[in-house]
C-alpha atoms as a PDB file:
ATOM      1  CA  MET A   1      18.841 121.405  68.520  1.00  0.00           C
ATOM      2  CA  LEU A   2      15.498 119.748  69.215  1.00  0.00           C
ATOM      3  CA  LYS A   3      16.948 116.392  68.081  1.00  0.00           C
ATOM      4  CA  PHE A   4      19.655 116.558  70.757  1.00  0.00           C
ATOM      5  CA  LEU A   5      17.146 117.478  73.457  1.00  0.00           C
ATOM      6  CA  LEU A   6      14.876 114.571  72.469  1.00  0.00           C
ATOM      7  CA  LEU A   7      17.864 112.232  72.335  1.00  0.00           C
ATOM      8  CA  ALA A   8      18.960 113.341  75.826  1.00  0.00           C
ATOM      9  CA  VAL A   9      15.448 112.772  77.208  1.00  0.00           C
ATOM     10  CA  LEU A  10      15.341 109.321  75.607  1.00  0.00           C
ATOM     11  CA  VAL A  11      18.733 108.364  77.059  1.00  0.00           C
ATOM     12  CA  LEU A  12      17.752 109.586  80.540  1.00  0.00           C
ATOM     13  CA  TRP A  13      14.447 107.714  80.339  1.00  0.00           C
ATOM     14  CA  LEU A  14      16.277 104.522  79.349  1.00  0.00           C
ATOM     15  CA  LEU A  15      18.802 104.919  82.168  1.00  0.00           C
ATOM     16  CA  TYR A  16      16.132 105.386  84.826  1.00  0.00           C
ATOM     17  CA  SER A  17      13.617 102.892  83.470  1.00  0.00           C
ATOM     18  CA  PRO A  18      13.287  99.908  85.885  1.00  0.00           C
ATOM     19  CA  GLY A  19      13.045  97.383  83.053  1.00  0.00           C
ATOM     20  CA  VAL A  20      16.209  98.616  81.347  1.00  0.00           C
ATOM     21  CA  ARG A  21      18.142  98.834  84.622  1.00  0.00           C
ATOM     22  CA  ARG A  22      17.146  95.240  85.408  1.00  0.00           C
ATOM     23  CA  LEU A  23      18.330  94.194  81.954  1.00  0.00           C
ATOM     24  CA  VAL A  24      21.632  96.026  82.381  1.00  0.00           C
ATOM     25  CA  ARG A  25      22.209  94.514  85.829  1.00  0.00           C
ATOM     26  CA  GLY A  26      21.738  91.086  84.330  1.00  0.00           C
ATOM     27  CA  LEU A  27      19.256  90.045  87.006  1.00  0.00           C
ATOM     28  CA  ARG A  28      21.954  89.141  89.477  1.00  0.00           C
ATOM     29  CA  ALA A  29      20.882  86.558  92.021  1.00  0.00           C
ATOM     30  CA  ASP A  30      22.048  88.590  95.016  1.00  0.00           C
ATOM     31  CA  GLU A  31      19.756  91.525  94.157  1.00  0.00           C
ATOM     32  CA  PRO A  32      16.070  90.713  94.518  1.00  0.00           C
ATOM     33  CA  ASP A  33      13.607  91.982  91.911  1.00  0.00           C
ATOM     34  CA  SER A  34      11.251  94.674  93.069  1.00  0.00           C
ATOM     35  CA  ASP A  35       8.394  92.653  91.515  1.00  0.00           C
ATOM     36  CA  ALA A  36       9.393  89.284  92.986  1.00  0.00           C
ATOM     37  CA  PRO A  37       8.785  88.516  96.659  1.00  0.00           C
ATOM     38  CA  ALA A  38      11.876  88.669  98.825  1.00  0.00           C
ATOM     39  CA  PRO A  39      13.291  85.226  99.676  1.00  0.00           C
ATOM     40  CA  THR A  40      12.906  84.229 103.295  1.00  0.00           C
ATOM     41  CA  ARG A  41      16.153  83.675 105.131  1.00  0.00           C
ATOM     42  CA  ARG A  42      16.440  81.728 108.329  1.00  0.00           C
ATOM     43  CA  ALA A  43      18.275  83.276 111.200  1.00  0.00           C
ATOM     44  CA  PRO A  44      21.365  81.332 112.221  1.00  0.00           C
ATOM     45  CA  ALA A  45      20.845  79.003 115.154  1.00  0.00           C
ATOM     46  CA  PRO A  46      22.014  80.470 118.455  1.00  0.00           C
ATOM     47  CA  PRO A  47      25.201  78.924 119.789  1.00  0.00           C
ATOM     48  CA  GLN A  48      24.705  76.108 122.273  1.00  0.00           C
ATOM     49  CA  PRO A  49      25.931  76.729 125.831  1.00  0.00           C
ATOM     50  CA  LEU A  50      29.162  74.996 126.835  1.00  0.00           C
ATOM     51  CA  THR A  51      29.429  72.724 129.854  1.00  0.00           C
ATOM     52  CA  MET A  52      31.941  74.267 132.244  1.00  0.00           C
ATOM     53  CA  VAL A  53      33.987  72.179 134.686  1.00  0.00           C
ATOM     54  CA  PRO A  54      36.372  73.276 137.467  1.00  0.00           C
ATOM     55  CA  CYS A  55      40.032  72.267 137.392  1.00  0.00           C
ATOM     56  CA  ALA A  56      40.682  69.690 140.138  1.00  0.00           C
ATOM     57  CA  ARG A  57      43.943  71.491 141.017  1.00  0.00           C
ATOM     58  CA  CYS A  58      43.257  75.259 140.923  1.00  0.00           C
ATOM     59  CA  GLY A  59      39.464  75.436 140.620  1.00  0.00           C
ATOM     60  CA  ILE A  60      39.376  77.587 137.489  1.00  0.00           C
ATOM     61  CA  HIS A  61      36.354  76.845 135.299  1.00  0.00           C
ATOM     62  CA  LEU A  62      36.937  75.867 131.672  1.00  0.00           C
ATOM     63  CA  PRO A  63      34.864  74.257 128.916  1.00  0.00           C
ATOM     64  CA  SER A  64      34.716  70.485 129.300  1.00  0.00           C
ATOM     65  CA  SER A  65      35.884  70.126 125.678  1.00  0.00           C
ATOM     66  CA  GLU A  66      39.197  71.838 126.589  1.00  0.00           C
ATOM     67  CA  ALA A  67      39.768  70.041 129.903  1.00  0.00           C
ATOM     68  CA  LEU A  68      42.449  67.382 130.300  1.00  0.00           C
ATOM     69  CA  VAL A  69      41.114  64.367 132.190  1.00  0.00           C
ATOM     70  CA  ASP A  70      43.166  62.014 134.353  1.00  0.00           C
ATOM     71  CA  ASP A  71      42.564  58.274 134.815  1.00  0.00           C
ATOM     72  CA  ALA A  72      40.023  58.923 137.574  1.00  0.00           C
ATOM     73  CA  GLY A  73      38.003  61.217 135.288  1.00  0.00           C
ATOM     74  CA  ARG A  74      38.910  64.471 137.059  1.00  0.00           C
ATOM     75  CA  PRO A  75      39.234  67.550 134.788  1.00  0.00           C
ATOM     76  CA  PHE A  76      42.375  69.706 134.762  1.00  0.00           C
ATOM     77  CA  CYS A  77      43.138  73.013 133.023  1.00  0.00           C
ATOM     78  CA  SER A  78      46.702  72.147 131.950  1.00  0.00           C
ATOM     79  CA  GLU A  79      49.135  69.276 131.588  1.00  0.00           C
ATOM     80  CA  ALA A  80      51.169  70.613 134.563  1.00  0.00           C
ATOM     81  CA  HIS A  81      48.114  70.535 136.822  1.00  0.00           C
ATOM     82  CA  ARG A  82      47.176  67.065 135.568  1.00  0.00           C
ATOM     83  CA  ARG A  83      50.674  65.794 136.449  1.00  0.00           C
ATOM     84  CA  ALA A  84      50.562  67.538 139.864  1.00  0.00           C
ATOM     85  CA  GLY A  85      47.259  65.869 140.700  1.00  0.00           C
ATOM     86  CA  PRO A  86      44.216  67.176 142.534  1.00  0.00           C
ATOM     87  CA  ARG A  87      44.488  69.816 145.236  1.00  0.00           C
ATOM     88  CA  GLN A  88      44.957  68.472 148.739  1.00  0.00           C
ATOM     89  CA  SER A  89      42.276  69.979 150.998  1.00  0.00           C
END
Protein backbone atom coordinates (compact mmCIF):
# COMPACT_ATOMS: atom_id res chain seq x y z
CA MET A 1 0.00 0.00 0.00
CA LEU A 2 2.87 2.37 0.76
CA LYS A 3 4.29 1.74 -2.74
CA PHE A 4 1.08 2.99 -4.36
CA LEU A 5 0.99 6.08 -2.16
CA LEU A 6 4.62 6.90 -3.00
CA LEU A 7 3.95 6.27 -6.69
CA ALA A 8 0.93 8.61 -6.59
CA VAL A 9 2.98 11.34 -4.89
CA LEU A 10 5.73 10.93 -7.49
CA VAL A 11 3.26 11.16 -10.38
CA LEU A 12 1.59 14.26 -8.91
CA TRP A 13 4.98 15.88 -8.32
CA LEU A 14 5.98 15.19 -11.93
CA LEU A 15 2.70 16.58 -13.26
CA TYR A 16 2.99 19.82 -11.31
CA SER A 17 6.74 20.29 -11.67
CA PRO A 18 7.47 23.37 -13.87
CA GLY A 19 10.39 21.67 -15.62
CA VAL A 20 8.36 18.61 -16.57
CA ARG A 21 5.36 20.68 -17.69
CA ARG A 22 7.67 22.75 -19.91
CA LEU A 23 9.08 19.54 -21.37
CA VAL A 24 5.61 18.13 -22.00
CA ARG A 25 4.42 21.36 -23.63
CA GLY A 26 7.36 21.17 -25.99
CA LEU A 27 8.35 24.77 -25.33
CA ARG A 28 5.84 26.15 -27.78
CA ALA A 29 6.80 29.52 -29.21
CA ASP A 30 3.45 31.14 -28.42
CA GLU A 31 3.79 30.46 -24.68
CA PRO A 32 6.58 32.43 -23.04
CA ASP A 33 8.80 30.74 -20.44
CA SER A 34 8.35 31.93 -16.90
CA ASP A 35 12.16 32.23 -16.67
CA ALA A 36 12.66 34.07 -19.97
CA PRO A 37 11.75 37.74 -20.30
CA ALA A 38 8.53 38.41 -22.15
CA PRO A 39 9.07 39.56 -25.75
CA THR A 40 8.17 43.17 -26.39
CA ARG A 41 5.39 43.67 -28.89
CA ARG A 42 4.75 46.91 -30.68
CA ALA A 43 1.28 48.30 -30.68
CA PRO A 44 -0.24 48.54 -34.15
CA ALA A 45 0.02 51.96 -35.73
CA PRO A 46 -3.16 54.00 -35.40
CA PRO A 47 -5.11 54.37 -38.62
CA GLN A 48 -4.39 57.52 -40.59
CA PRO A 49 -7.26 60.00 -40.96
CA LEU A 50 -8.98 60.11 -44.35
CA THR A 51 -9.34 63.29 -46.37
CA MET A 52 -13.04 63.99 -46.79
CA VAL A 53 -14.44 65.93 -49.76
CA PRO A 54 -18.00 67.14 -50.45
CA CYS A 55 -19.90 65.94 -53.51
CA ALA A 56 -20.21 68.81 -56.01
CA ARG A 57 -23.86 67.82 -56.64
CA CYS A 58 -25.44 66.96 -53.26
CA GLY A 59 -22.81 68.12 -50.76
CA ILE A 60 -22.45 64.80 -48.94
CA HIS A 61 -18.94 64.25 -47.59
CA LEU A 62 -17.07 61.11 -48.62
CA PRO A 63 -13.45 59.94 -48.52
CA SER A 64 -11.43 61.38 -51.39
CA SER A 65 -10.31 57.84 -52.30
CA GLU A 66 -13.95 56.88 -53.04
CA ALA A 67 -14.92 60.07 -54.89
CA LEU A 68 -15.45 60.12 -58.65
CA VAL A 69 -13.77 63.13 -60.24
CA ASP A 70 -14.89 64.89 -63.41
CA ASP A 71 -12.62 66.56 -65.98
CA ALA A 72 -12.56 69.79 -63.97
CA GLY A 73 -11.37 67.93 -60.86
CA ARG A 74 -14.64 68.24 -58.92
CA PRO A 75 -15.49 65.26 -56.64
CA PHE A 76 -18.82 63.42 -56.90
CA CYS A 77 -20.35 60.68 -54.74
CA SER A 78 -21.79 58.60 -57.60
CA GLU A 79 -21.68 58.13 -61.35
CA ALA A 80 -25.22 59.59 -61.64
CA HIS A 81 -24.17 62.78 -59.87
CA ARG A 82 -21.01 63.00 -61.97
CA ARG A 83 -23.10 62.77 -65.16
CA ALA A 84 -25.62 65.33 -63.82
CA GLY A 85 -22.84 67.81 -63.10
CA PRO A 86 -22.36 70.24 -60.24
CA ARG A 87 -25.30 71.78 -58.41
CA GLN A 88 -26.54 75.05 -59.85
CA SER A 89 -26.63 77.66 -57.06
